[in-house]
Amino acid sequence: MRSSSHVLAVAVLIASFGLTACSAPSSDVTASPIASSAAPAEPTFAVGAVVDAATAQEIGMAGSQRAYPMADGSFVVVDRGEPLPEAVQADIDAKAVAFSEAWGSDAQSAATSASLRAREKVMADASGGTGKRPILILKMTAYETAEAEMPTTFWMVNGAGPAPDAVRRSREEMTAIVNEWLAQQDDPDLYVVIHG
């Protein structure tokens, strides 16, 4: 029996050593931080805030916010899911009106590759600067038929939005059609209407 009690004593000693080794560290030892796999939060700015070029670059194009470039060299913060600040909408519209007047008033130049590239640039600049899907309302002057002696001026839609049709509309009528289409969308703020 003596050897049994010796084995029992050794087992108790080993067990108590194991429990001591597994006990919690004393309070003066600091735990090392655990690495987190969560990505750092993207910086957010107030919509309409005016920022410099460095901040605009920091905002980038990854999230829902953009820094729209203004003519004076500043940048205005916009959010893809929120209405545009008035200054940004006015800037987008001014560029579109200049394009629409130059492109939409001459029936002979309407289909040139240069004019088509200019139209795409208006839409791409608005989309890239806001993160929204562009709907361009633009002026068009064209001969309705091959026999027509005088061109007709009307307004059409290009880009996202309602499907184009053959109806000749005024600027106000085309804007009403686009607004009606937007009212039916789940999130109309995802679109930028460019009033040419």
Protein backbone atom coordinates (compact mmCIF):
# COMPACT_ATOMS: atom_id res chain seq x y z
CA MET A 1 0.00 0.00 0.00
CA ARG A 2 2.90 2.25 0.57
CA SER A 3 3.64 2.42 -3.15
CA SER A 4 -0.01 3.21 -3.89
CA SER A 5 0.00 6.15 -1.52
CA HIS A 6 3.30 7.29 -3.05
CA VAL A 7 1.71 7.19 -6.54
CA LEU A 8 -1.35 9.00 -5.18
CA ALA A 9 0.83 11.72 -3.65
CA VAL A 10 2.72 12.19 -6.92
CA ALA A 11 -0.58 12.37 -8.85
CA VAL A 12 -1.94 15.01 -6.47
CA LEU A 13 1.31 17.00 -6.78
CA ILE A 14 1.22 16.87 -10.59
CA ALA A 15 -2.46 17.83 -10.64
CA SER A 16 -1.92 20.79 -8.32
CA PHE A 17 1.09 21.93 -10.38
CA GLY A 18 -1.01 21.73 -13.54
CA LEU A 19 -3.81 23.78 -11.98
CA THR A 20 -1.34 26.41 -10.77
CA ALA A 21 0.25 26.65 -14.20
CA CYS A 22 -3.19 27.12 -15.79
CA SER A 23 -4.38 29.77 -13.36
CA ALA A 24 -5.06 33.32 -14.56
CA PRO A 25 -2.08 35.68 -14.69
CA SER A 26 -1.69 38.26 -12.00
CA SER A 27 -3.27 41.66 -12.56
CA ASP A 28 0.03 43.43 -13.27
CA VAL A 29 0.45 41.54 -16.56
CA THR A 30 -1.18 43.24 -19.55
CA ALA A 31 -2.92 41.12 -22.12
CA SER A 32 -1.71 41.48 -25.67
CA PRO A 33 -4.33 42.91 -28.05
CA ILE A 34 -6.09 40.51 -30.39
CA ALA A 35 -5.83 41.44 -34.05
CA SER A 36 -9.19 42.30 -35.57
CA SER A 37 -10.08 41.49 -39.14
CA ALA A 38 -12.58 44.36 -39.39
CA ALA A 39 -11.62 47.06 -41.87
CA PRO A 40 -11.22 50.59 -40.52
CA ALA A 41 -14.31 52.77 -40.89
CA GLU A 42 -14.37 55.04 -43.92
CA PRO A 43 -14.22 58.74 -43.10
CA THR A 44 -17.57 60.46 -43.54
CA PHE A 45 -18.17 64.13 -44.12
CA ALA A 46 -21.28 66.27 -44.08
CA VAL A 47 -22.98 66.44 -47.45
CA GLY A 48 -22.37 69.91 -48.88
CA ALA A 49 -19.10 70.42 -46.99
CA VAL A 50 -16.40 72.15 -49.03
CA VAL A 51 -13.07 70.29 -48.90
CA ASP A 52 -9.61 70.64 -50.42
CA ALA A 53 -7.94 68.37 -52.97
CA ALA A 54 -6.16 66.26 -50.33
CA THR A 55 -9.43 65.54 -48.51
CA ALA A 56 -11.15 64.84 -51.83
CA GLN A 57 -8.49 62.24 -52.55
CA GLU A 58 -9.00 60.75 -49.08
CA ILE A 59 -12.74 60.45 -49.75
CA GLY A 60 -11.98 58.69 -53.02
CA MET A 61 -14.57 56.60 -54.81
CA ALA A 62 -14.82 53.47 -52.68
CA GLY A 63 -17.75 54.38 -50.43
CA SER A 64 -21.03 56.16 -50.99
CA GLN A 65 -19.46 59.62 -50.74
CA ARG A 66 -17.64 61.58 -53.44
CA ALA A 67 -15.98 64.97 -53.58
CA TYR A 68 -17.45 66.75 -56.59
CA PRO A 69 -14.94 69.07 -58.35
CA MET A 70 -16.21 72.66 -58.67
CA ALA A 71 -15.03 75.22 -61.22
CA ASP A 72 -13.15 77.23 -58.55
CA GLY A 73 -10.92 74.26 -57.67
CA SER A 74 -12.73 73.34 -54.47
CA PHE A 75 -14.62 70.09 -53.90
CA VAL A 76 -18.10 69.62 -52.45
CA VAL A 77 -18.98 66.43 -50.57
CA VAL A 78 -21.92 64.50 -52.03
CA ASP A 79 -23.45 61.16 -51.07
CA ARG A 80 -24.77 58.68 -53.59
CA GLY A 81 -27.92 58.06 -51.54
CA GLU A 82 -28.77 61.67 -50.70
CA PRO A 83 -30.00 64.65 -52.72
CA LEU A 84 -27.26 66.76 -54.32
CA PRO A 85 -26.29 70.09 -52.76
CA GLU A 86 -27.73 72.98 -54.80
CA ALA A 87 -24.28 74.22 -55.86
CA VAL A 88 -23.39 70.81 -57.31
CA GLN A 89 -26.69 70.46 -59.16
CA ALA A 90 -26.27 73.98 -60.56
CA ASP A 91 -22.74 73.17 -61.77
CA ILE A 92 -23.85 69.93 -63.44
CA ASP A 93 -26.78 71.68 -65.11
CA ALA A 94 -24.62 74.59 -66.33
CA LYS A 95 -22.26 72.17 -68.08
CA ALA A 96 -25.19 70.31 -69.60
CA VAL A 97 -26.90 73.50 -70.80
CA ALA A 98 -23.68 74.65 -72.51
CA PHE A 99 -23.39 71.27 -74.21
CA SER A 100 -27.08 71.09 -75.06
CA GLU A 101 -27.09 74.55 -76.65
CA ALA A 102 -24.03 73.79 -78.76
CA TRP A 103 -25.04 70.26 -79.70
CA GLY A 104 -28.82 70.44 -79.78
CA SER A 105 -29.22 73.55 -81.89
CA ASP A 106 -27.56 72.31 -85.07
CA ALA A 107 -29.28 69.48 -86.89
CA GLN A 108 -26.20 68.91 -89.03
CA SER A 109 -23.76 68.34 -86.18
CA ALA A 110 -25.98 66.23 -83.92
CA ALA A 111 -24.60 62.89 -85.04
CA THR A 112 -20.89 63.66 -85.29
CA SER A 113 -18.52 61.53 -83.26
CA ALA A 114 -17.18 64.64 -81.49
CA SER A 115 -20.67 65.62 -80.33
CA LEU A 116 -21.40 62.09 -79.16
CA ARG A 117 -18.14 62.07 -77.15
CA ALA A 118 -19.07 65.45 -75.66
CA ARG A 119 -22.44 64.06 -74.56
CA GLU A 120 -20.78 61.03 -72.97
CA LYS A 121 -18.35 63.32 -71.13
CA VAL A 122 -21.20 65.36 -69.61
CA MET A 123 -22.75 62.16 -68.31
CA ALA A 124 -19.48 60.56 -67.19
CA ASP A 125 -18.40 63.69 -65.29
CA ALA A 126 -21.72 63.85 -63.46
CA SER A 127 -21.66 60.14 -62.65
CA GLY A 128 -18.01 60.05 -61.57
CA GLY A 129 -18.35 63.18 -59.47
CA THR A 130 -21.51 62.09 -57.67
CA GLY A 131 -21.55 58.28 -57.75
CA LYS A 132 -25.11 58.46 -59.10
CA ARG A 133 -26.64 57.09 -62.32
CA PRO A 134 -27.06 59.95 -64.81
CA ILE A 135 -30.26 60.90 -66.61
CA LEU A 136 -29.54 63.57 -69.22
CA ILE A 137 -32.38 65.75 -70.49
CA LEU A 138 -31.04 67.38 -73.61
CA LYS A 139 -32.05 69.54 -76.52
CA MET A 140 -32.22 67.98 -79.96
CA THR A 141 -32.69 69.64 -83.32
CA ALA A 142 -33.32 67.26 -86.18
CA TYR A 143 -35.20 66.81 -89.41
CA GLU A 144 -38.23 64.68 -88.61
CA THR A 145 -38.22 63.09 -92.06
CA ALA A 146 -35.90 63.02 -95.02
CA GLU A 147 -38.35 65.29 -96.86
CA ALA A 148 -38.62 67.90 -94.09
CA GLU A 149 -37.42 71.34 -95.10
CA MET A 150 -36.98 72.71 -91.58
CA PRO A 151 -35.56 70.96 -88.51
CA THR A 152 -37.63 70.53 -85.37
CA THR A 153 -36.32 71.25 -81.87
CA PHE A 154 -37.43 69.01 -79.02
CA TRP A 155 -36.10 67.52 -75.78
CA MET A 156 -35.09 63.92 -75.21
CA VAL A 157 -33.68 61.76 -72.43
CA ASN A 158 -30.43 59.82 -72.49
CA GLY A 159 -28.75 57.51 -69.98
CA ALA A 160 -30.68 55.93 -67.12
CA GLY A 161 -34.34 56.75 -66.67
CA PRO A 162 -37.43 56.34 -68.78
CA ALA A 163 -37.05 54.65 -72.14
CA PRO A 164 -36.81 57.08 -75.05
CA ASP A 165 -39.79 57.20 -77.39
CA ALA A 166 -40.65 58.97 -80.63
CA VAL A 167 -42.76 61.69 -78.97
CA ARG A 168 -41.42 65.24 -79.44
CA ARG A 169 -41.60 67.06 -76.10
CA SER A 170 -40.71 70.44 -74.66
CA ARG A 171 -38.08 70.70 -71.93
CA GLU A 172 -40.82 71.01 -69.30
CA GLU A 173 -42.71 67.97 -70.62
CA MET A 174 -39.55 65.84 -70.69
CA THR A 175 -38.65 66.94 -67.16
CA ALA A 176 -42.15 65.94 -65.99
CA ILE A 177 -41.74 62.49 -67.59
CA VAL A 178 -38.39 62.00 -65.82
CA ASN A 179 -39.81 63.18 -62.48
CA GLU A 180 -42.73 60.78 -62.83
CA TRP A 181 -40.32 57.93 -63.56
CA LEU A 182 -38.16 58.85 -60.56
CA ALA A 183 -41.20 58.88 -58.26
CA GLN A 184 -41.73 55.20 -59.12
CA GLN A 185 -38.19 54.17 -58.16
CA ASP A 186 -37.32 52.61 -54.79
CA ASP A 187 -34.47 55.08 -54.23
CA PRO A 188 -34.66 58.08 -56.57
CA ASP A 189 -31.62 59.69 -54.90
CA LEU A 190 -29.41 57.12 -56.62
CA TYR A 191 -29.93 59.09 -59.85
CA VAL A 192 -28.67 62.50 -60.95
CA VAL A 193 -30.91 64.37 -63.37
CA ILE A 194 -28.85 66.57 -65.66
CA HIS A 195 -30.98 69.41 -66.99
CA GLY A 196 -29.49 70.34 -70.33
